[in-house]
Amino acid sequence: MVSALIERELSAETFPIRDGVFVAVVGPSGAGKDTVIGYARARFADETRLEFVRRVITRPSDAASEDHDTLADAAFVEAEADGAFAISWEAHGLRYGIPADVDWSVANGRVAVANVSRAIIPVLRERYANLAIVEITASPDVLAERLAMRGRESRGEVLARLARSANVTLSGPDVTSIDNSGPREAAGERFAEVLRKAMAFSDMSGLI
């Protein structure tokens, strides 16, 4: 019902969606995307212009992973067919979705922040007029150590992940790269600056 209402409200809008900004946080597993996003969420706890998007994933939530909503595969597919997601994708045997109401937020001048796959960047560039891509990176040694600490994958699977990550590059004026190999405060403050600029841009767009 909610997604249907959003679609009707946006029906008069021409894609790409304007006024607000979609901040797409990308990077390899182990780079610390959730850590950097969490830092910014605490930093801007009272900032109403920012929306930190809660993803829907076909994986149970636990203390070691991000706080997300969980759906079984069949329920996810059904929700996807009903228009529950603005964007959805598959990776590493899991399904991920960004709730449809993020479109309404961006169309109404807010800054939406979401952890997404690099593979859907072309789709995001078509959907949102104002897209800021933040690539969180870390040195290979740091990535390997963090992935090993998770204990979710074998050594071979970890090495395969690192090899895939090394083959993916992003470029363009809308891409900001942040190295998160060191203290989280350093990367967190750089990310906070990106969000400040996005909010300032969104404020100006609303005046035009």
N, C-alpha and C. Protein backbone atom coordinates (compact mmCIF):
# COMPACT_ATOMS: atom_id res chain seq x y z
N MET A 1 0.83 -1.21 0.00
CA MET A 1 0.00 0.00 0.00
C MET A 1 0.87 1.26 0.00
N VAL A 2 1.89 1.28 0.89
CA VAL A 2 2.76 2.46 0.98
C VAL A 2 3.48 2.69 -0.33
N SER A 3 4.05 1.60 -0.92
CA SER A 3 4.78 1.75 -2.18
C SER A 3 3.88 2.24 -3.30
N ALA A 4 2.62 1.79 -3.31
CA ALA A 4 1.67 2.22 -4.34
C ALA A 4 1.38 3.71 -4.21
N LEU A 5 1.24 4.20 -2.99
CA LEU A 5 1.00 5.62 -2.76
C LEU A 5 2.19 6.45 -3.22
N ILE A 6 3.40 5.94 -2.95
CA ILE A 6 4.61 6.66 -3.36
C ILE A 6 4.68 6.74 -4.88
N GLU A 7 4.37 5.62 -5.54
CA GLU A 7 4.41 5.61 -7.00
C GLU A 7 3.43 6.62 -7.59
N ARG A 8 2.22 6.71 -7.00
CA ARG A 8 1.24 7.66 -7.50
C ARG A 8 1.71 9.09 -7.29
N GLU A 9 2.35 9.33 -6.13
CA GLU A 9 2.80 10.68 -5.84
C GLU A 9 3.94 11.10 -6.75
N LEU A 10 4.74 10.11 -7.16
CA LEU A 10 5.88 10.40 -8.03
C LEU A 10 5.51 10.34 -9.51
N SER A 11 4.29 9.92 -9.80
CA SER A 11 3.92 9.70 -11.20
C SER A 11 4.03 10.96 -12.04
N ALA A 12 3.84 12.10 -11.40
CA ALA A 12 3.92 13.37 -12.14
C ALA A 12 5.37 13.84 -12.29
N GLU A 13 6.28 13.17 -11.57
CA GLU A 13 7.69 13.57 -11.62
C GLU A 13 8.36 12.94 -12.83
N THR A 14 9.32 13.62 -13.36
CA THR A 14 10.11 13.08 -14.45
C THR A 14 11.41 12.54 -13.90
N PHE A 15 11.69 11.30 -14.23
CA PHE A 15 12.98 10.75 -13.82
C PHE A 15 14.07 11.37 -14.67
N PRO A 16 15.24 11.64 -14.12
CA PRO A 16 15.65 11.30 -12.76
C PRO A 16 15.02 12.19 -11.70
N ILE A 17 14.92 11.66 -10.50
CA ILE A 17 14.34 12.37 -9.36
C ILE A 17 15.31 13.47 -8.93
N ARG A 18 14.74 14.67 -8.66
CA ARG A 18 15.59 15.83 -8.37
C ARG A 18 15.37 16.37 -6.96
N ASP A 19 15.92 17.54 -6.72
CA ASP A 19 15.83 18.33 -5.48
C ASP A 19 16.73 17.80 -4.36
N GLY A 20 16.57 16.54 -3.95
CA GLY A 20 17.42 16.00 -2.91
C GLY A 20 18.65 15.34 -3.50
N VAL A 21 19.38 14.62 -2.65
CA VAL A 21 20.61 13.94 -3.06
C VAL A 21 20.59 12.50 -2.56
N PHE A 22 20.99 11.58 -3.40
CA PHE A 22 21.18 10.19 -2.99
C PHE A 22 22.67 9.97 -2.83
N VAL A 23 23.08 9.59 -1.62
CA VAL A 23 24.50 9.31 -1.34
C VAL A 23 24.69 7.80 -1.32
N ALA A 24 25.37 7.29 -2.33
CA ALA A 24 25.60 5.85 -2.46
C ALA A 24 26.97 5.50 -1.88
N VAL A 25 26.96 4.72 -0.82
CA VAL A 25 28.21 4.29 -0.17
C VAL A 25 28.56 2.91 -0.70
N VAL A 26 29.73 2.80 -1.30
CA VAL A 26 30.15 1.54 -1.91
C VAL A 26 31.55 1.19 -1.43
N GLY A 27 31.97 -0.02 -1.76
CA GLY A 27 33.31 -0.44 -1.39
C GLY A 27 33.33 -1.93 -1.09
N PRO A 28 34.52 -2.51 -1.06
CA PRO A 28 34.63 -3.95 -0.83
C PRO A 28 34.26 -4.36 0.59
N SER A 29 33.89 -5.60 0.76
CA SER A 29 33.61 -6.13 2.10
C SER A 29 34.88 -5.98 2.95
N GLY A 30 34.69 -5.52 4.18
CA GLY A 30 35.82 -5.33 5.07
C GLY A 30 36.37 -3.92 5.08
N ALA A 31 35.87 -3.08 4.15
CA ALA A 31 36.37 -1.70 4.10
C ALA A 31 35.84 -0.86 5.25
N GLY A 32 34.73 -1.29 5.85
CA GLY A 32 34.18 -0.54 6.99
C GLY A 32 33.09 0.44 6.60
N LYS A 33 32.29 0.09 5.61
CA LYS A 33 31.22 0.99 5.18
C LYS A 33 30.22 1.25 6.30
N ASP A 34 29.80 0.18 6.97
CA ASP A 34 28.83 0.34 8.06
C ASP A 34 29.41 1.15 9.21
N THR A 35 30.70 1.00 9.45
CA THR A 35 31.36 1.76 10.52
C THR A 35 31.35 3.25 10.21
N VAL A 36 31.68 3.59 8.97
CA VAL A 36 31.72 5.00 8.57
C VAL A 36 30.31 5.59 8.57
N ILE A 37 29.34 4.82 8.08
CA ILE A 37 27.96 5.30 8.09
C ILE A 37 27.48 5.48 9.52
N GLY A 38 27.83 4.54 10.40
CA GLY A 38 27.43 4.65 11.80
C GLY A 38 28.03 5.86 12.48
N TYR A 39 29.26 6.18 12.14
CA TYR A 39 29.91 7.38 12.68
C TYR A 39 29.12 8.63 12.29
N ALA A 40 28.76 8.69 11.01
CA ALA A 40 28.01 9.86 10.52
C ALA A 40 26.62 9.93 11.14
N ARG A 41 25.99 8.78 11.33
CA ARG A 41 24.65 8.76 11.93
C ARG A 41 24.70 9.36 13.34
N ALA A 42 25.73 9.01 14.10
CA ALA A 42 25.88 9.57 15.45
C ALA A 42 26.25 11.05 15.38
N ARG A 43 27.07 11.40 14.41
CA ARG A 43 27.54 12.79 14.26
C ARG A 43 26.39 13.72 13.93
N PHE A 44 25.42 13.23 13.15
CA PHE A 44 24.29 14.05 12.71
C PHE A 44 22.98 13.55 13.30
N ALA A 45 23.03 13.13 14.53
CA ALA A 45 21.85 12.52 15.17
C ALA A 45 20.63 13.44 15.16
N ASP A 46 20.83 14.74 15.19
CA ASP A 46 19.71 15.69 15.23
C ASP A 46 19.42 16.35 13.89
N GLU A 47 20.04 15.85 12.83
CA GLU A 47 19.90 16.47 11.50
C GLU A 47 18.73 15.84 10.74
N THR A 48 17.65 16.61 10.59
CA THR A 48 16.44 16.08 9.95
C THR A 48 16.54 16.01 8.43
N ARG A 49 17.53 16.68 7.85
CA ARG A 49 17.66 16.64 6.40
C ARG A 49 18.28 15.35 5.90
N LEU A 50 18.87 14.58 6.81
CA LEU A 50 19.54 13.34 6.44
C LEU A 50 18.66 12.13 6.74
N GLU A 51 18.65 11.17 5.83
CA GLU A 51 17.96 9.90 6.06
C GLU A 51 18.95 8.76 5.82
N PHE A 52 19.25 8.01 6.86
CA PHE A 52 20.11 6.84 6.74
C PHE A 52 19.21 5.64 6.46
N VAL A 53 19.28 5.16 5.25
CA VAL A 53 18.35 4.15 4.75
C VAL A 53 18.61 2.78 5.39
N ARG A 54 17.52 2.17 5.87
CA ARG A 54 17.59 0.83 6.44
C ARG A 54 17.29 -0.17 5.32
N ARG A 55 18.24 -1.01 5.00
CA ARG A 55 18.09 -1.94 3.89
C ARG A 55 17.26 -3.17 4.28
N VAL A 56 16.74 -3.82 3.26
CA VAL A 56 16.06 -5.11 3.44
C VAL A 56 16.96 -6.16 2.81
N ILE A 57 17.29 -7.21 3.57
CA ILE A 57 18.24 -8.23 3.11
C ILE A 57 17.68 -9.62 3.44
N THR A 58 17.96 -10.58 2.59
CA THR A 58 17.54 -11.95 2.85
C THR A 58 18.58 -12.66 3.72
N ARG A 59 18.91 -12.01 4.84
CA ARG A 59 19.86 -12.57 5.81
C ARG A 59 19.42 -12.13 7.20
N PRO A 60 19.43 -13.03 8.17
CA PRO A 60 19.06 -12.65 9.53
C PRO A 60 19.98 -11.55 10.06
N SER A 61 19.44 -10.66 10.85
CA SER A 61 20.23 -9.60 11.47
C SER A 61 20.91 -10.13 12.72
N ASP A 62 22.15 -9.73 12.93
CA ASP A 62 22.86 -10.12 14.15
C ASP A 62 23.77 -8.99 14.58
N ALA A 63 24.36 -9.13 15.75
CA ALA A 63 25.18 -8.06 16.32
C ALA A 63 26.43 -7.78 15.50
N ALA A 64 26.85 -8.74 14.69
CA ALA A 64 28.08 -8.58 13.92
C ALA A 64 27.86 -7.91 12.57
N SER A 65 26.60 -7.69 12.19
CA SER A 65 26.32 -7.08 10.89
C SER A 65 25.47 -5.83 11.07
N GLU A 66 25.19 -5.16 9.96
CA GLU A 66 24.39 -3.94 10.02
C GLU A 66 22.97 -4.22 10.53
N ASP A 67 22.35 -3.22 11.06
CA ASP A 67 20.97 -3.32 11.51
C ASP A 67 20.07 -3.18 10.28
N HIS A 68 19.41 -4.27 9.91
CA HIS A 68 18.60 -4.23 8.70
C HIS A 68 17.30 -5.01 8.91
N ASP A 69 16.38 -4.85 7.96
CA ASP A 69 15.15 -5.64 7.97
C ASP A 69 15.40 -6.93 7.19
N THR A 70 14.79 -8.00 7.64
CA THR A 70 15.03 -9.31 7.03
C THR A 70 13.77 -9.86 6.37
N LEU A 71 13.93 -10.40 5.18
CA LEU A 71 12.85 -11.11 4.49
C LEU A 71 13.41 -12.43 3.95
N ALA A 72 12.58 -13.46 3.97
CA ALA A 72 12.94 -14.70 3.31
C ALA A 72 12.94 -14.47 1.80
N ASP A 73 13.61 -15.35 1.05
CA ASP A 73 13.72 -15.18 -0.40
C ASP A 73 12.36 -14.98 -1.07
N ALA A 74 11.42 -15.86 -0.76
CA ALA A 74 10.11 -15.80 -1.41
C ALA A 74 9.38 -14.50 -1.09
N ALA A 75 9.47 -14.08 0.18
CA ALA A 75 8.81 -12.83 0.59
C ALA A 75 9.48 -11.63 -0.07
N PHE A 76 10.78 -11.70 -0.24
CA PHE A 76 11.51 -10.60 -0.90
C PHE A 76 11.05 -10.47 -2.35
N VAL A 77 10.99 -11.60 -3.05
CA VAL A 77 10.57 -11.59 -4.46
C VAL A 77 9.16 -11.03 -4.59
N GLU A 78 8.28 -11.40 -3.67
CA GLU A 78 6.91 -10.90 -3.69
C GLU A 78 6.86 -9.39 -3.45
N ALA A 79 7.65 -8.93 -2.45
CA ALA A 79 7.71 -7.50 -2.16
C ALA A 79 8.28 -6.72 -3.33
N GLU A 80 9.28 -7.29 -3.97
CA GLU A 80 9.90 -6.65 -5.14
C GLU A 80 8.88 -6.49 -6.26
N ALA A 81 8.09 -7.53 -6.49
CA ALA A 81 7.06 -7.49 -7.53
C ALA A 81 5.98 -6.47 -7.21
N ASP A 82 5.74 -6.22 -5.92
CA ASP A 82 4.72 -5.26 -5.49
C ASP A 82 5.23 -3.82 -5.47
N GLY A 83 6.49 -3.61 -5.88
CA GLY A 83 7.05 -2.26 -5.92
C GLY A 83 7.53 -1.74 -4.58
N ALA A 84 7.92 -2.64 -3.68
CA ALA A 84 8.34 -2.23 -2.34
C ALA A 84 9.72 -1.58 -2.32
N PHE A 85 10.49 -1.77 -3.39
CA PHE A 85 11.86 -1.28 -3.41
C PHE A 85 12.10 -0.27 -4.54
N ALA A 86 12.85 0.77 -4.22
CA ALA A 86 13.29 1.70 -5.25
C ALA A 86 14.36 1.05 -6.10
N ILE A 87 15.26 0.35 -5.43
CA ILE A 87 16.37 -0.35 -6.07
C ILE A 87 16.54 -1.69 -5.38
N SER A 88 16.84 -2.73 -6.13
CA SER A 88 17.14 -4.03 -5.54
C SER A 88 18.21 -4.72 -6.37
N TRP A 89 18.94 -5.63 -5.74
CA TRP A 89 20.01 -6.34 -6.44
C TRP A 89 20.36 -7.63 -5.69
N GLU A 90 21.16 -8.46 -6.33
CA GLU A 90 21.63 -9.70 -5.72
C GLU A 90 23.14 -9.69 -5.67
N ALA A 91 23.70 -10.22 -4.57
CA ALA A 91 25.14 -10.32 -4.43
C ALA A 91 25.47 -11.38 -3.38
N HIS A 92 26.46 -12.21 -3.70
CA HIS A 92 26.95 -13.23 -2.76
C HIS A 92 25.83 -14.12 -2.24
N GLY A 93 24.87 -14.44 -3.11
CA GLY A 93 23.80 -15.34 -2.73
C GLY A 93 22.70 -14.72 -1.91
N LEU A 94 22.71 -13.40 -1.77
CA LEU A 94 21.69 -12.69 -0.99
C LEU A 94 20.98 -11.67 -1.87
N ARG A 95 19.78 -11.29 -1.45
CA ARG A 95 19.03 -10.23 -2.12
C ARG A 95 19.00 -8.99 -1.22
N TYR A 96 19.14 -7.82 -1.83
CA TYR A 96 19.17 -6.56 -1.11
C TYR A 96 18.14 -5.60 -1.72
N GLY A 97 17.50 -4.82 -0.87
CA GLY A 97 16.53 -3.85 -1.37
C GLY A 97 16.60 -2.53 -0.62
N ILE A 98 16.44 -1.43 -1.35
CA ILE A 98 16.31 -0.09 -0.79
C ILE A 98 14.83 0.27 -0.83
N PRO A 99 14.19 0.50 0.32
CA PRO A 99 12.75 0.75 0.36
C PRO A 99 12.32 1.88 -0.59
N ALA A 100 11.13 1.72 -1.16
CA ALA A 100 10.62 2.65 -2.17
C ALA A 100 10.46 4.08 -1.65
N ASP A 101 10.26 4.24 -0.35
CA ASP A 101 10.02 5.59 0.16
C ASP A 101 11.25 6.49 0.08
N VAL A 102 12.42 5.92 -0.27
CA VAL A 102 13.60 6.76 -0.45
C VAL A 102 13.40 7.71 -1.64
N ASP A 103 12.63 7.28 -2.64
CA ASP A 103 12.35 8.15 -3.78
C ASP A 103 11.60 9.40 -3.33
N TRP A 104 10.61 9.21 -2.45
CA TRP A 104 9.84 10.33 -1.92
C TRP A 104 10.76 11.28 -1.15
N SER A 105 11.67 10.72 -0.35
CA SER A 105 12.59 11.54 0.44
C SER A 105 13.46 12.41 -0.46
N VAL A 106 14.05 11.81 -1.49
CA VAL A 106 14.91 12.57 -2.39
C VAL A 106 14.11 13.60 -3.17
N ALA A 107 12.91 13.23 -3.62
CA ALA A 107 12.06 14.16 -4.37
C ALA A 107 11.65 15.35 -3.51
N ASN A 108 11.66 15.18 -2.19
CA ASN A 108 11.28 16.25 -1.27
C ASN A 108 12.48 16.93 -0.62
N GLY A 109 13.64 16.82 -1.28
CA GLY A 109 14.80 17.60 -0.88
C GLY A 109 15.67 17.05 0.22
N ARG A 110 15.46 15.80 0.59
CA ARG A 110 16.28 15.23 1.65
C ARG A 110 17.52 14.57 1.07
N VAL A 111 18.48 14.25 1.93
CA VAL A 111 19.69 13.55 1.54
C VAL A 111 19.59 12.13 2.08
N ALA A 112 19.48 11.16 1.17
CA ALA A 112 19.35 9.75 1.56
C ALA A 112 20.71 9.08 1.44
N VAL A 113 21.09 8.36 2.49
CA VAL A 113 22.40 7.70 2.54
C VAL A 113 22.18 6.20 2.60
N ALA A 114 22.79 5.46 1.67
CA ALA A 114 22.58 4.02 1.64
C ALA A 114 23.83 3.28 1.21
N ASN A 115 24.02 2.13 1.80
CA ASN A 115 25.10 1.20 1.44
C ASN A 115 24.59 0.37 0.27
N VAL A 116 25.24 0.48 -0.88
CA VAL A 116 24.76 -0.21 -2.08
C VAL A 116 25.90 -0.95 -2.77
N SER A 117 25.54 -1.75 -3.76
CA SER A 117 26.52 -2.46 -4.57
C SER A 117 27.04 -1.55 -5.68
N ARG A 118 28.32 -1.67 -5.97
CA ARG A 118 28.89 -0.89 -7.07
C ARG A 118 28.24 -1.26 -8.40
N ALA A 119 27.71 -2.47 -8.51
CA ALA A 119 27.12 -2.92 -9.77
C ALA A 119 25.88 -2.12 -10.16
N ILE A 120 25.21 -1.48 -9.18
CA ILE A 120 23.98 -0.76 -9.52
C ILE A 120 24.21 0.75 -9.70
N ILE A 121 25.44 1.19 -9.69
CA ILE A 121 25.72 2.62 -9.88
C ILE A 121 25.11 3.15 -11.18
N PRO A 122 25.22 2.44 -12.32
CA PRO A 122 24.58 2.96 -13.54
C PRO A 122 23.08 3.18 -13.38
N VAL A 123 22.40 2.29 -12.65
CA VAL A 123 20.97 2.43 -12.41
C VAL A 123 20.69 3.65 -11.54
N LEU A 124 21.51 3.84 -10.52
CA LEU A 124 21.34 4.99 -9.63
C LEU A 124 21.56 6.31 -10.38
N ARG A 125 22.51 6.33 -11.29
CA ARG A 125 22.79 7.55 -12.06
C ARG A 125 21.61 7.92 -12.94
N GLU A 126 20.86 6.93 -13.39
CA GLU A 126 19.67 7.19 -14.20
C GLU A 126 18.49 7.62 -13.33
N ARG A 127 18.42 7.11 -12.11
CA ARG A 127 17.25 7.32 -11.26
C ARG A 127 17.30 8.64 -10.51
N TYR A 128 18.51 9.07 -10.10
CA TYR A 128 18.64 10.28 -9.27
C TYR A 128 19.53 11.31 -9.97
N ALA A 129 18.98 12.51 -10.11
CA ALA A 129 19.73 13.58 -10.78
C ALA A 129 20.95 13.99 -9.99
N ASN A 130 20.83 13.96 -8.66
CA ASN A 130 21.93 14.38 -7.79
C ASN A 130 22.42 13.17 -7.01
N LEU A 131 23.48 12.56 -7.54
CA LEU A 131 24.04 11.35 -6.94
C LEU A 131 25.46 11.61 -6.49
N ALA A 132 25.74 11.30 -5.24
CA ALA A 132 27.09 11.39 -4.70
C ALA A 132 27.54 9.98 -4.35
N ILE A 133 28.62 9.53 -4.96
CA ILE A 133 29.13 8.19 -4.72
C ILE A 133 30.34 8.28 -3.79
N VAL A 134 30.28 7.59 -2.68
CA VAL A 134 31.39 7.58 -1.73
C VAL A 134 31.95 6.16 -1.68
N GLU A 135 33.17 6.01 -2.16
CA GLU A 135 33.82 4.70 -2.18
C GLU A 135 34.72 4.57 -0.95
N ILE A 136 34.35 3.66 -0.05
CA ILE A 136 35.15 3.40 1.14
C ILE A 136 36.15 2.30 0.80
N THR A 137 37.43 2.57 1.01
CA THR A 137 38.47 1.60 0.68
C THR A 137 39.34 1.33 1.90
N ALA A 138 40.20 0.35 1.77
CA ALA A 138 41.19 0.03 2.80
C ALA A 138 42.29 -0.78 2.11
N SER A 139 43.43 -0.85 2.75
CA SER A 139 44.55 -1.59 2.16
C SER A 139 44.20 -3.08 2.10
N PRO A 140 44.80 -3.84 1.17
CA PRO A 140 44.52 -5.28 1.07
C PRO A 140 44.74 -6.03 2.39
N ASP A 141 45.79 -5.68 3.11
CA ASP A 141 46.07 -6.35 4.38
C ASP A 141 44.95 -6.11 5.39
N VAL A 142 44.47 -4.87 5.45
CA VAL A 142 43.40 -4.53 6.38
C VAL A 142 42.11 -5.25 5.99
N LEU A 143 41.81 -5.27 4.70
CA LEU A 143 40.61 -5.96 4.22
C LEU A 143 40.66 -7.44 4.59
N ALA A 144 41.79 -8.07 4.33
CA ALA A 144 41.93 -9.50 4.62
C ALA A 144 41.76 -9.78 6.12
N GLU A 145 42.35 -8.93 6.95
CA GLU A 145 42.25 -9.12 8.40
C GLU A 145 40.81 -8.97 8.88
N ARG A 146 40.12 -7.94 8.39
CA ARG A 146 38.74 -7.71 8.81
C ARG A 146 37.82 -8.84 8.36
N LEU A 147 38.00 -9.32 7.13
CA LEU A 147 37.17 -10.40 6.63
C LEU A 147 37.41 -11.69 7.42
N ALA A 148 38.67 -11.94 7.76
CA ALA A 148 39.01 -13.14 8.54
C ALA A 148 38.37 -13.08 9.92
N MET A 149 38.33 -11.88 10.51
CA MET A 149 37.75 -11.72 11.85
C MET A 149 36.26 -12.00 11.87
N ARG A 150 35.59 -11.77 10.75
CA ARG A 150 34.15 -12.03 10.68
C ARG A 150 33.84 -13.52 10.82
N GLY A 151 34.74 -14.35 10.28
CA GLY A 151 34.55 -15.78 10.38
C GLY A 151 33.43 -16.34 9.54
N ARG A 152 32.94 -15.57 8.57
CA ARG A 152 31.82 -16.03 7.74
C ARG A 152 32.28 -16.87 6.55
N GLU A 153 33.54 -16.69 6.16
CA GLU A 153 34.02 -17.31 4.93
C GLU A 153 35.35 -18.01 5.16
N SER A 154 35.64 -18.97 4.28
CA SER A 154 36.93 -19.65 4.32
C SER A 154 38.02 -18.74 3.77
N ARG A 155 39.26 -19.13 3.96
CA ARG A 155 40.38 -18.34 3.45
C ARG A 155 40.27 -18.18 1.93
N GLY A 156 39.88 -19.26 1.24
CA GLY A 156 39.74 -19.20 -0.20
C GLY A 156 38.66 -18.23 -0.64
N GLU A 157 37.55 -18.22 0.09
CA GLU A 157 36.46 -17.29 -0.23
C GLU A 157 36.88 -15.84 0.02
N VAL A 158 37.66 -15.63 1.09
CA VAL A 158 38.16 -14.28 1.38
C VAL A 158 39.06 -13.80 0.25
N LEU A 159 39.97 -14.66 -0.18
CA LEU A 159 40.89 -14.29 -1.26
C LEU A 159 40.13 -14.01 -2.56
N ALA A 160 39.08 -14.78 -2.80
CA ALA A 160 38.27 -14.56 -4.01
C ALA A 160 37.57 -13.21 -3.95
N ARG A 161 37.06 -12.84 -2.77
CA ARG A 161 36.42 -11.54 -2.60
C ARG A 161 37.41 -10.42 -2.90
N LEU A 162 38.62 -10.53 -2.35
CA LEU A 162 39.62 -9.50 -2.55
C LEU A 162 40.01 -9.38 -4.02
N ALA A 163 40.08 -10.50 -4.71
CA ALA A 163 40.43 -10.48 -6.13
C ALA A 163 39.34 -9.79 -6.94
N ARG A 164 38.06 -10.07 -6.60
CA ARG A 164 36.95 -9.41 -7.31
C ARG A 164 36.97 -7.91 -7.07
N SER A 165 37.25 -7.51 -5.83
CA SER A 165 37.26 -6.09 -5.48
C SER A 165 38.35 -5.35 -6.23
N ALA A 166 39.49 -6.00 -6.42
CA ALA A 166 40.62 -5.35 -7.08
C ALA A 166 40.32 -5.06 -8.54
N ASN A 167 39.35 -5.78 -9.12
CA ASN A 167 39.03 -5.61 -10.54
C ASN A 167 37.93 -4.59 -10.79
N VAL A 168 37.41 -3.97 -9.73
CA VAL A 168 36.31 -3.01 -9.87
C VAL A 168 36.82 -1.60 -9.57
N THR A 169 36.67 -0.71 -10.53
CA THR A 169 37.09 0.67 -10.33
C THR A 169 35.93 1.61 -10.65
N LEU A 170 35.90 2.71 -9.94
CA LEU A 170 34.87 3.73 -10.16
C LEU A 170 35.55 5.03 -10.53
N SER A 171 34.93 5.80 -11.39
CA SER A 171 35.49 7.09 -11.76
C SER A 171 34.35 8.04 -12.08
N GLY A 172 34.67 9.32 -12.07
CA GLY A 172 33.69 10.33 -12.39
C GLY A 172 33.71 11.45 -11.36
N PRO A 173 33.19 12.61 -11.73
CA PRO A 173 33.19 13.76 -10.81
C PRO A 173 32.29 13.57 -9.60
N ASP A 174 31.39 12.57 -9.66
CA ASP A 174 30.50 12.33 -8.53
C ASP A 174 31.04 11.30 -7.55
N VAL A 175 32.31 10.88 -7.73
CA VAL A 175 32.91 9.84 -6.88
C VAL A 175 33.93 10.44 -5.92
N THR A 176 33.78 10.13 -4.63
CA THR A 176 34.75 10.52 -3.61
C THR A 176 35.28 9.24 -2.98
N SER A 177 36.60 9.11 -2.94
CA SER A 177 37.22 7.91 -2.36
C SER A 177 37.77 8.24 -0.97
N ILE A 178 37.43 7.39 0.00
CA ILE A 178 37.88 7.60 1.38
C ILE A 178 38.58 6.34 1.87
N ASP A 179 39.84 6.47 2.28
CA ASP A 179 40.61 5.34 2.82
C ASP A 179 40.27 5.16 4.29
N ASN A 180 39.78 3.98 4.63
CA ASN A 180 39.40 3.68 6.00
C ASN A 180 40.33 2.64 6.62
N SER A 181 41.61 2.72 6.26
CA SER A 181 42.58 1.78 6.82
C SER A 181 42.97 2.16 8.25
N GLY A 182 42.81 3.43 8.59
CA GLY A 182 43.23 3.92 9.90
C GLY A 182 42.09 4.11 10.88
N PRO A 183 42.22 5.11 11.77
CA PRO A 183 41.17 5.37 12.76
C PRO A 183 39.85 5.71 12.09
N ARG A 184 38.74 5.22 12.65
CA ARG A 184 37.44 5.45 12.02
C ARG A 184 37.08 6.93 12.02
N GLU A 185 37.61 7.70 13.00
CA GLU A 185 37.30 9.12 13.06
C GLU A 185 37.81 9.86 11.82
N ALA A 186 38.97 9.43 11.31
CA ALA A 186 39.54 10.10 10.14
C ALA A 186 38.63 9.92 8.93
N ALA A 187 38.25 8.67 8.65
CA ALA A 187 37.36 8.41 7.53
C ALA A 187 35.97 8.97 7.81
N GLY A 188 35.54 8.88 9.07
CA GLY A 188 34.22 9.37 9.43
C GLY A 188 34.06 10.86 9.20
N GLU A 189 35.09 11.64 9.51
CA GLU A 189 35.02 13.08 9.32
C GLU A 189 35.04 13.46 7.83
N ARG A 190 35.77 12.70 7.04
CA ARG A 190 35.76 12.95 5.59
C ARG A 190 34.38 12.67 5.01
N PHE A 191 33.77 11.60 5.51
CA PHE A 191 32.41 11.27 5.05
C PHE A 191 31.42 12.33 5.52
N ALA A 192 31.60 12.81 6.74
CA ALA A 192 30.71 13.86 7.27
C ALA A 192 30.78 15.11 6.40
N GLU A 193 31.95 15.41 5.88
CA GLU A 193 32.10 16.59 5.02
C GLU A 193 31.34 16.40 3.71
N VAL A 194 31.36 15.18 3.17
CA VAL A 194 30.59 14.88 1.96
C VAL A 194 29.11 15.11 2.22
N LEU A 195 28.63 14.69 3.38
CA LEU A 195 27.21 14.85 3.71
C LEU A 195 26.85 16.32 3.91
N ARG A 196 27.75 17.09 4.50
CA ARG A 196 27.49 18.53 4.65
C ARG A 196 27.32 19.19 3.29
N LYS A 197 28.18 18.83 2.36
CA LYS A 197 28.10 19.40 1.00
C LYS A 197 26.80 18.96 0.32
N ALA A 198 26.41 17.71 0.54
CA ALA A 198 25.16 17.22 -0.06
C ALA A 198 23.96 17.98 0.50
N MET A 199 23.97 18.24 1.80
CA MET A 199 22.86 18.99 2.41
C MET A 199 22.82 20.42 1.89
N ALA A 200 23.99 21.03 1.74
CA ALA A 200 24.05 22.39 1.22
C ALA A 200 23.54 22.44 -0.22
N PHE A 201 23.93 21.45 -1.01
CA PHE A 201 23.46 21.38 -2.40
C PHE A 201 21.95 21.19 -2.45
N SER A 202 21.43 20.31 -1.58
CA SER A 202 19.99 20.07 -1.54
C SER A 202 19.23 21.33 -1.14
N ASP A 203 19.78 22.09 -0.20
CA ASP A 203 19.15 23.34 0.22
C ASP A 203 19.06 24.31 -0.95
N MET A 204 20.13 24.41 -1.74
CA MET A 204 20.14 25.32 -2.89
C MET A 204 19.16 24.85 -3.97
N SER A 205 19.09 23.51 -4.18
CA SER A 205 18.19 22.98 -5.21
C SER A 205 16.74 23.32 -4.88
N GLY A 206 16.42 23.34 -3.59
CA GLY A 206 15.06 23.63 -3.19
C GLY A 206 14.66 25.07 -3.42
N LEU A 207 15.65 25.95 -3.63
CA LEU A 207 15.35 27.37 -3.86
C LEU A 207 15.19 27.70 -5.34
N ILE A 208 15.58 26.75 -6.18
CA ILE A 208 15.53 27.02 -7.64
C ILE A 208 14.13 26.75 -8.19
